[in-house]
Amino acid sequence: MSGVDEDKLRAAVLAALRIPAERYQPDLKLGDLEEWDSLGHLELISQLESTFGVTFNLEDIPQLDSLAAIRMRLREPR
């Protein structure tokens, strides 16, 4: 199982949610920050797809509600 590039993940989260670096935590989940609401979630998914060159299925998107879940999904074979 390969790892996720944590620098890329962090950059994607910061860009999508438009938060300063000091507010980033590796265990963030939906609702932890006011910026990670339903609209922020869609922004994050879009940024992750662009950053990592992946496409998430519509049924996967609601399950990607934490950075832990996102890491697990990004580790799956494509």
N, C-alpha and C. Protein backbone atom coordinates (compact mmCIF):
# COMPACT_ATOMS: atom_id res chain seq x y z
N MET A 1 0.85 -1.18 0.00
CA MET A 1 0.00 0.00 0.00
C MET A 1 0.90 1.24 0.00
N SER A 2 0.72 2.08 -0.97
CA SER A 2 1.54 3.28 -1.05
C SER A 2 0.92 4.39 -0.20
N GLY A 3 1.77 5.29 0.22
CA GLY A 3 1.30 6.39 1.05
C GLY A 3 0.77 7.54 0.21
N VAL A 4 0.15 8.45 0.89
CA VAL A 4 -0.37 9.66 0.27
C VAL A 4 0.65 10.77 0.49
N ASP A 5 0.89 11.55 -0.52
CA ASP A 5 1.80 12.69 -0.41
C ASP A 5 1.15 13.72 0.53
N GLU A 6 1.62 13.76 1.76
CA GLU A 6 1.01 14.62 2.78
C GLU A 6 1.14 16.11 2.46
N ASP A 7 2.22 16.48 1.79
CA ASP A 7 2.39 17.89 1.41
C ASP A 7 1.34 18.29 0.38
N LYS A 8 1.08 17.41 -0.58
CA LYS A 8 0.05 17.69 -1.58
C LYS A 8 -1.33 17.73 -0.95
N LEU A 9 -1.59 16.81 -0.02
CA LEU A 9 -2.89 16.78 0.65
C LEU A 9 -3.09 18.06 1.45
N ARG A 10 -2.09 18.44 2.19
CA ARG A 10 -2.17 19.66 3.00
C ARG A 10 -2.41 20.88 2.11
N ALA A 11 -1.67 20.98 1.02
CA ALA A 11 -1.82 22.11 0.11
C ALA A 11 -3.23 22.14 -0.49
N ALA A 12 -3.77 20.98 -0.83
CA ALA A 12 -5.11 20.90 -1.40
C ALA A 12 -6.16 21.37 -0.39
N VAL A 13 -6.00 20.95 0.85
CA VAL A 13 -6.95 21.34 1.90
C VAL A 13 -6.89 22.85 2.13
N LEU A 14 -5.68 23.38 2.24
CA LEU A 14 -5.52 24.82 2.46
C LEU A 14 -6.11 25.64 1.33
N ALA A 15 -5.88 25.19 0.09
CA ALA A 15 -6.40 25.92 -1.07
C ALA A 15 -7.91 25.82 -1.16
N ALA A 16 -8.45 24.63 -0.98
CA ALA A 16 -9.89 24.43 -1.14
C ALA A 16 -10.70 25.14 -0.07
N LEU A 17 -10.23 25.05 1.17
CA LEU A 17 -10.98 25.65 2.27
C LEU A 17 -10.58 27.09 2.55
N ARG A 18 -9.52 27.53 1.87
CA ARG A 18 -9.02 28.90 2.02
C ARG A 18 -8.74 29.24 3.49
N ILE A 19 -7.95 28.36 4.10
CA ILE A 19 -7.59 28.57 5.51
C ILE A 19 -6.08 28.77 5.61
N PRO A 20 -5.64 29.47 6.66
CA PRO A 20 -4.20 29.63 6.86
C PRO A 20 -3.59 28.32 7.35
N ALA A 21 -2.33 28.15 7.10
CA ALA A 21 -1.62 26.91 7.42
C ALA A 21 -1.74 26.51 8.89
N GLU A 22 -1.77 27.49 9.79
CA GLU A 22 -1.82 27.15 11.21
C GLU A 22 -3.14 26.52 11.64
N ARG A 23 -4.17 26.59 10.80
CA ARG A 23 -5.46 25.97 11.14
C ARG A 23 -5.56 24.54 10.63
N TYR A 24 -4.59 24.12 9.85
CA TYR A 24 -4.59 22.74 9.33
C TYR A 24 -4.22 21.76 10.43
N GLN A 25 -4.96 20.67 10.52
CA GLN A 25 -4.65 19.56 11.42
C GLN A 25 -4.77 18.28 10.60
N PRO A 26 -3.89 17.32 10.76
CA PRO A 26 -3.93 16.10 9.95
C PRO A 26 -5.14 15.22 10.21
N ASP A 27 -5.89 15.50 11.27
CA ASP A 27 -7.07 14.68 11.59
C ASP A 27 -8.38 15.44 11.39
N LEU A 28 -8.36 16.49 10.56
CA LEU A 28 -9.58 17.27 10.31
C LEU A 28 -10.69 16.39 9.74
N LYS A 29 -11.92 16.80 10.05
CA LYS A 29 -13.08 16.14 9.46
C LYS A 29 -14.16 17.17 9.19
N LEU A 30 -15.09 16.80 8.35
CA LEU A 30 -16.20 17.68 7.98
C LEU A 30 -16.84 18.25 9.24
N GLY A 31 -16.98 19.57 9.28
CA GLY A 31 -17.59 20.23 10.42
C GLY A 31 -16.61 20.74 11.46
N ASP A 32 -15.35 20.30 11.41
CA ASP A 32 -14.36 20.79 12.37
C ASP A 32 -14.08 22.28 12.19
N LEU A 33 -14.13 22.71 10.96
CA LEU A 33 -13.91 24.12 10.63
C LEU A 33 -15.17 24.65 9.97
N GLU A 34 -15.51 25.90 10.23
CA GLU A 34 -16.70 26.45 9.57
C GLU A 34 -16.54 26.45 8.05
N GLU A 35 -15.30 26.50 7.58
CA GLU A 35 -15.06 26.48 6.13
C GLU A 35 -15.34 25.11 5.51
N TRP A 36 -15.26 24.05 6.33
CA TRP A 36 -15.52 22.71 5.80
C TRP A 36 -16.98 22.37 6.08
N ASP A 37 -17.85 23.08 5.36
CA ASP A 37 -19.27 22.80 5.39
C ASP A 37 -19.62 22.08 4.09
N SER A 38 -20.88 22.02 3.72
CA SER A 38 -21.25 21.27 2.51
C SER A 38 -20.62 21.87 1.25
N LEU A 39 -20.60 23.18 1.14
CA LEU A 39 -19.97 23.80 -0.03
C LEU A 39 -18.45 23.62 0.02
N GLY A 40 -17.86 23.79 1.18
CA GLY A 40 -16.43 23.57 1.33
C GLY A 40 -16.05 22.13 1.00
N HIS A 41 -16.95 21.20 1.32
CA HIS A 41 -16.70 19.79 1.02
C HIS A 41 -16.58 19.58 -0.49
N LEU A 42 -17.49 20.19 -1.24
CA LEU A 42 -17.43 20.06 -2.70
C LEU A 42 -16.18 20.72 -3.27
N GLU A 43 -15.80 21.86 -2.70
CA GLU A 43 -14.57 22.53 -3.12
C GLU A 43 -13.36 21.63 -2.85
N LEU A 44 -13.36 20.99 -1.68
CA LEU A 44 -12.25 20.11 -1.32
C LEU A 44 -12.18 18.91 -2.25
N ILE A 45 -13.30 18.29 -2.54
CA ILE A 45 -13.33 17.14 -3.44
C ILE A 45 -12.78 17.55 -4.81
N SER A 46 -13.23 18.68 -5.32
CA SER A 46 -12.76 19.17 -6.62
C SER A 46 -11.25 19.41 -6.60
N GLN A 47 -10.76 20.02 -5.54
CA GLN A 47 -9.32 20.30 -5.42
C GLN A 47 -8.53 19.00 -5.34
N LEU A 48 -9.04 18.03 -4.58
CA LEU A 48 -8.35 16.74 -4.46
C LEU A 48 -8.29 16.03 -5.81
N GLU A 49 -9.39 16.07 -6.55
CA GLU A 49 -9.40 15.43 -7.86
C GLU A 49 -8.35 16.07 -8.78
N SER A 50 -8.27 17.38 -8.74
CA SER A 50 -7.30 18.10 -9.56
C SER A 50 -5.86 17.82 -9.09
N THR A 51 -5.64 17.90 -7.82
CA THR A 51 -4.30 17.73 -7.27
C THR A 51 -3.75 16.33 -7.46
N PHE A 52 -4.59 15.32 -7.23
CA PHE A 52 -4.14 13.93 -7.26
C PHE A 52 -4.47 13.22 -8.58
N GLY A 53 -5.14 13.90 -9.51
CA GLY A 53 -5.45 13.29 -10.80
C GLY A 53 -6.39 12.11 -10.69
N VAL A 54 -7.37 12.22 -9.80
CA VAL A 54 -8.34 11.15 -9.59
C VAL A 54 -9.74 11.68 -9.86
N THR A 55 -10.67 10.77 -9.97
CA THR A 55 -12.08 11.12 -10.05
C THR A 55 -12.82 10.27 -9.03
N PHE A 56 -13.55 10.92 -8.15
CA PHE A 56 -14.32 10.20 -7.15
C PHE A 56 -15.72 9.92 -7.69
N ASN A 57 -16.23 8.74 -7.42
CA ASN A 57 -17.60 8.42 -7.78
C ASN A 57 -18.54 9.22 -6.89
N LEU A 58 -19.71 9.55 -7.44
CA LEU A 58 -20.67 10.33 -6.66
C LEU A 58 -21.03 9.66 -5.34
N GLU A 59 -21.11 8.34 -5.33
CA GLU A 59 -21.46 7.64 -4.09
C GLU A 59 -20.32 7.67 -3.07
N ASP A 60 -19.09 7.92 -3.52
CA ASP A 60 -17.94 8.00 -2.61
C ASP A 60 -17.87 9.34 -1.88
N ILE A 61 -18.34 10.39 -2.52
CA ILE A 61 -18.12 11.76 -2.01
C ILE A 61 -18.65 11.96 -0.59
N PRO A 62 -19.85 11.51 -0.24
CA PRO A 62 -20.31 11.71 1.14
C PRO A 62 -19.46 10.96 2.18
N GLN A 63 -18.83 9.87 1.76
CA GLN A 63 -18.02 9.07 2.68
C GLN A 63 -16.66 9.71 2.95
N LEU A 64 -16.25 10.64 2.11
CA LEU A 64 -14.94 11.28 2.25
C LEU A 64 -15.06 12.48 3.19
N ASP A 65 -15.48 12.21 4.41
CA ASP A 65 -15.82 13.26 5.36
C ASP A 65 -14.74 13.53 6.41
N SER A 66 -13.56 12.97 6.18
CA SER A 66 -12.43 13.23 7.08
C SER A 66 -11.14 13.05 6.28
N LEU A 67 -10.08 13.63 6.78
CA LEU A 67 -8.81 13.44 6.08
C LEU A 67 -8.37 11.99 6.17
N ALA A 68 -8.73 11.30 7.23
CA ALA A 68 -8.41 9.87 7.34
C ALA A 68 -9.11 9.08 6.23
N ALA A 69 -10.39 9.36 6.01
CA ALA A 69 -11.14 8.66 4.95
C ALA A 69 -10.58 9.02 3.57
N ILE A 70 -10.20 10.27 3.40
CA ILE A 70 -9.64 10.71 2.12
C ILE A 70 -8.31 10.00 1.87
N ARG A 71 -7.46 9.91 2.88
CA ARG A 71 -6.20 9.19 2.72
C ARG A 71 -6.44 7.73 2.31
N MET A 72 -7.37 7.09 2.99
CA MET A 72 -7.67 5.69 2.66
C MET A 72 -8.12 5.53 1.21
N ARG A 73 -8.98 6.45 0.76
CA ARG A 73 -9.49 6.39 -0.61
C ARG A 73 -8.38 6.67 -1.62
N LEU A 74 -7.51 7.60 -1.31
CA LEU A 74 -6.40 7.93 -2.23
C LEU A 74 -5.39 6.79 -2.32
N ARG A 75 -5.32 5.95 -1.30
CA ARG A 75 -4.40 4.82 -1.31
C ARG A 75 -4.91 3.65 -2.13
N GLU A 76 -6.22 3.62 -2.41
CA GLU A 76 -6.80 2.52 -3.16
C GLU A 76 -6.26 2.52 -4.59
N PRO A 77 -6.07 1.32 -5.15
CA PRO A 77 -5.63 1.25 -6.54
C PRO A 77 -6.65 1.92 -7.45
N ARG A 78 -6.14 2.53 -8.49
CA ARG A 78 -7.02 3.25 -9.43
C ARG A 78 -7.27 2.41 -10.65
